Amino acid sequence: RKKVRRVTADSDDDDDDDFVAAEKRKSTDSMDLDTSRDSGDDDDGEDDDKPLKDLKKKANVKGGSSRGAKKLVQVFADGTPIKKYFDKTDISDEGWYKGKVKSFDVRKGWYRILYEDGDAEDVDEATMWQIADKKVLEKMRRKQLAEQATSVVEARKEKERA
């Protein structure tokens, strides 16, 4: 049976140590992630005009604990094509490997990637932005821009009616 790797955007692919990956997951699972658009009032290095950042959302879990349990919303649909470069290791050759999103864990925010060679990997959303097919990213950007334009037009019509 093949090993499933868990990868975050800030981890090395060479590090297959499950304990390290688990510790990273624990530290990020407990964080309260800010999903709002960057305010631009500080010099944190984030791009203030990054429109795709708005796609990340959180929703309340029904029947969850009263402590405000949250579940993440899936941004990349099942079947989304990806392409990732792997360095040569003892168990794999160097090169680009293609795969697709197989599933999404709404509690932890991990995407399960199934590669064409049969390997599987769990990655976080930040990694998905790096490895998702560029055509998919462009399509998502166009869809978001169209939704924003529609909401602006609807707001103008509503204002004219008032």
Protein backbone atom coordinates (compact mmCIF):
# COMPACT_ATOMS: atom_id res chain seq x y z
CA ARG A 1 0.00 0.00 0.00
CA LYS A 2 1.32 3.42 -0.90
CA LYS A 3 2.01 6.09 1.67
CA VAL A 4 -0.15 9.22 1.68
CA ARG A 5 1.88 12.37 2.21
CA ARG A 6 0.54 15.53 3.84
CA VAL A 7 2.04 18.72 2.46
CA THR A 8 1.69 22.33 3.47
CA ALA A 9 2.87 25.28 1.43
CA ASP A 10 5.73 25.94 3.83
CA SER A 11 7.00 22.34 4.07
CA ASP A 12 9.61 20.59 1.96
CA ASP A 13 8.45 17.73 -0.26
CA ASP A 14 11.59 15.84 0.77
CA ASP A 15 10.37 15.70 4.37
CA ASP A 16 8.04 12.69 4.57
CA ASP A 17 8.13 12.56 8.37
CA ASP A 18 4.49 12.09 9.37
CA PHE A 19 5.15 13.40 12.88
CA VAL A 20 6.40 16.75 11.56
CA ALA A 21 3.43 17.00 9.20
CA ALA A 22 1.05 16.13 12.05
CA GLU A 23 2.60 18.79 14.28
CA LYS A 24 2.23 21.39 11.52
CA ARG A 25 -1.41 20.39 11.07
CA LYS A 26 -2.05 20.71 14.81
CA SER A 27 -0.60 24.19 14.89
CA THR A 28 -2.58 25.38 11.86
CA ASP A 29 -5.82 23.61 12.84
CA SER A 30 -6.06 25.61 16.06
CA MET A 31 -5.35 28.99 14.45
CA ASP A 32 -8.17 31.41 13.76
CA LEU A 33 -7.48 32.13 10.10
CA ASP A 34 -8.32 35.62 8.88
CA THR A 35 -10.34 35.15 5.69
CA SER A 36 -10.99 38.82 5.06
CA ARG A 37 -9.37 40.77 2.27
CA ASP A 38 -6.06 42.39 3.24
CA SER A 39 -6.83 45.90 4.48
CA GLY A 40 -3.67 47.39 3.03
CA ASP A 41 -3.07 49.41 6.19
CA ASP A 42 0.09 47.55 7.12
CA ASP A 43 3.22 46.42 5.40
CA ASP A 44 2.74 42.67 5.79
CA GLY A 45 3.90 41.87 2.26
CA GLU A 46 0.50 40.66 1.15
CA ASP A 47 -0.90 41.81 -2.17
CA ASP A 48 -3.86 44.07 -1.38
CA ASP A 49 -5.39 43.60 -4.84
CA LYS A 50 -5.40 39.80 -4.94
CA PRO A 51 -9.03 39.05 -5.95
CA LEU A 52 -8.88 35.27 -5.54
CA LYS A 53 -8.16 35.67 -1.83
CA ASP A 54 -11.90 36.34 -1.32
CA LEU A 55 -12.78 32.79 -2.38
CA LYS A 56 -11.70 31.36 0.98
CA LYS A 57 -14.65 31.28 3.34
CA LYS A 58 -15.71 29.67 6.58
CA ALA A 59 -19.16 28.45 7.49
CA ASN A 60 -20.66 27.42 10.82
CA VAL A 61 -21.09 23.71 11.39
CA LYS A 62 -24.65 22.81 12.34
CA GLY A 63 -24.87 20.70 15.47
CA GLY A 64 -21.29 21.52 16.39
CA SER A 65 -20.04 22.62 19.76
CA SER A 66 -21.06 25.96 21.20
CA ARG A 67 -17.43 27.08 20.96
CA GLY A 68 -18.02 28.20 17.37
CA ALA A 69 -16.84 25.15 15.42
CA LYS A 70 -16.11 26.02 11.81
CA LYS A 71 -15.78 24.07 8.61
CA LEU A 72 -13.88 25.25 5.58
CA VAL A 73 -15.54 25.70 2.22
CA GLN A 74 -14.03 23.82 -0.71
CA VAL A 75 -12.52 26.24 -3.24
CA PHE A 76 -11.10 23.69 -5.70
CA ALA A 77 -13.73 21.27 -7.01
CA ASP A 78 -13.26 17.52 -7.13
CA GLY A 79 -11.59 16.65 -10.42
CA THR A 80 -9.54 19.88 -10.58
CA PRO A 81 -6.35 19.03 -12.50
CA ILE A 82 -2.99 19.69 -10.84
CA LYS A 83 0.64 19.34 -11.83
CA LYS A 84 3.45 19.15 -9.30
CA TYR A 85 7.21 18.81 -9.58
CA PHE A 86 8.94 16.20 -7.43
CA ASP A 87 12.68 15.85 -6.88
CA LYS A 88 14.29 12.44 -7.24
CA THR A 89 13.99 10.30 -4.11
CA ASP A 90 14.51 6.64 -3.26
CA ILE A 91 10.91 5.85 -4.16
CA SER A 92 10.17 8.20 -7.08
CA ASP A 93 11.75 9.69 -10.16
CA GLU A 94 12.36 13.38 -10.70
CA GLY A 95 9.82 15.22 -12.83
CA TRP A 96 6.33 16.61 -13.20
CA TYR A 97 3.44 14.48 -12.01
CA LYS A 98 -0.19 15.10 -12.96
CA GLY A 99 -3.14 14.40 -10.75
CA LYS A 100 -6.62 15.51 -9.76
CA VAL A 101 -8.44 16.55 -6.62
CA LYS A 102 -10.20 13.45 -5.34
CA SER A 103 -11.85 14.84 -2.19
CA PHE A 104 -11.83 17.59 0.43
CA ASP A 105 -11.88 17.33 4.23
CA VAL A 106 -14.21 20.15 5.38
CA ARG A 107 -13.04 19.96 8.99
CA LYS A 108 -9.29 20.21 8.35
CA GLY A 109 -9.19 21.93 4.96
CA TRP A 110 -7.06 19.25 3.29
CA TYR A 111 -7.41 18.31 -0.38
CA ARG A 112 -6.74 14.65 -1.29
CA ILE A 113 -4.78 14.54 -4.56
CA LEU A 114 -4.69 11.32 -6.58
CA TYR A 115 -1.81 11.20 -9.04
CA GLU A 116 -1.85 9.35 -12.37
CA ASP A 117 0.81 6.93 -11.09
CA GLY A 118 -1.48 5.86 -8.22
CA ASP A 119 0.16 7.84 -5.41
CA ALA A 120 -2.00 10.03 -3.18
CA GLU A 121 -1.19 13.17 -1.24
CA ASP A 122 -3.06 15.49 1.12
CA VAL A 123 -2.32 19.19 0.62
CA ASP A 124 -3.57 22.42 2.17
CA GLU A 125 -5.26 25.22 0.23
CA ALA A 126 -2.11 27.33 -0.03
CA THR A 127 -0.35 24.45 -1.78
CA MET A 128 -3.35 24.01 -4.08
CA TRP A 129 -2.94 27.60 -5.30
CA GLN A 130 0.63 26.70 -6.27
CA ILE A 131 -0.02 23.39 -8.02
CA ALA A 132 -3.46 23.88 -9.61
CA ASP A 133 -3.56 23.99 -13.38
CA LYS A 134 -3.12 27.59 -14.57
CA LYS A 135 -6.17 27.32 -16.85
CA VAL A 136 -8.30 26.43 -13.84
CA LEU A 137 -6.98 29.42 -11.88
CA GLU A 138 -7.75 31.75 -14.80
CA LYS A 139 -11.26 30.33 -15.09
CA MET A 140 -11.83 30.88 -11.35
CA ARG A 141 -10.56 34.45 -11.64
CA ARG A 142 -12.89 35.20 -14.58
CA LYS A 143 -15.85 33.70 -12.73
CA GLN A 144 -15.14 35.83 -9.66
CA LEU A 145 -14.81 38.99 -11.77
CA ALA A 146 -18.14 38.21 -13.47
CA GLU A 147 -19.81 37.73 -10.08
CA GLN A 148 -18.39 41.04 -8.84
CA ALA A 149 -19.61 42.85 -11.98
CA THR A 150 -23.07 41.33 -11.55
CA SER A 151 -23.27 42.46 -7.94
CA VAL A 152 -22.23 46.00 -8.91
CA VAL A 153 -24.92 46.13 -11.62
CA GLU A 154 -27.54 44.80 -9.19
CA ALA A 155 -26.53 47.40 -6.59
CA ARG A 156 -26.91 50.19 -9.17
CA LYS A 157 -30.34 48.93 -10.21
CA GLU A 158 -31.41 48.74 -6.57
CA LYS A 159 -30.17 52.29 -6.00
CA GLU A 160 -32.09 53.55 -9.05
CA ARG A 161 -35.30 51.94 -7.76
CA ALA A 162 -34.97 53.69 -4.40
